[in-house]
Amino acid sequence: MKIAGSCLCGQISFQVTGPVHMINHCHCSMCRKVHGAAFGSFLHVSADGFQWLGGAHLVSTYQVPGNDDRCFCSNCGSNVPMIEEDDNVIIPAGSLDTDPGIKPIMHIYVGSKAPWYEITDSIPQFEKFSPAGWLEKALAKEVDS
């Protein structure tokens, strides 16, 4: 399956052809601010299954001291994928143009969620990140997510 994505102006485009790991909802204050929403949703994939199709030269990076960098289109400001040092790619799910074929498996950093937002679905919630071992078991379909 190919998953396509792009920025708001369409100058940056990408595709995923490799395995998809998960989608999560992050409620930390940085994700809320960068998305301008109650939380950020992210698709996680391996770098070897990710490819820029156009506009890679327009990807700009905001370096967050002591935290993950944030990538965005220098033309329209849209959040775009970021490639981590461990060869994982974190893709803002709102930038996807096609269905990734999976649903979110967890809410993380709910300890700092927006006080005006109530989580009403039944997927697991974690104060910070998921406990050690939980994510691996969830990805192996050994726990309910």
Foldseek 3Di string as FASTA:
>chain_A
DKWKFAFPVRQKIKIFDDDWQFKEWEQAPVQCVLVVHQTWIKTKDFLVRMDIPGDPVQWDWDDDPPDDIWIAGNPPGGTAWDQDPVRMIIGGPVRIPDDPPDDHQEYACPLRTDPVDDDDDDHYYYNHDDPPPPSVCVSVVNDHD
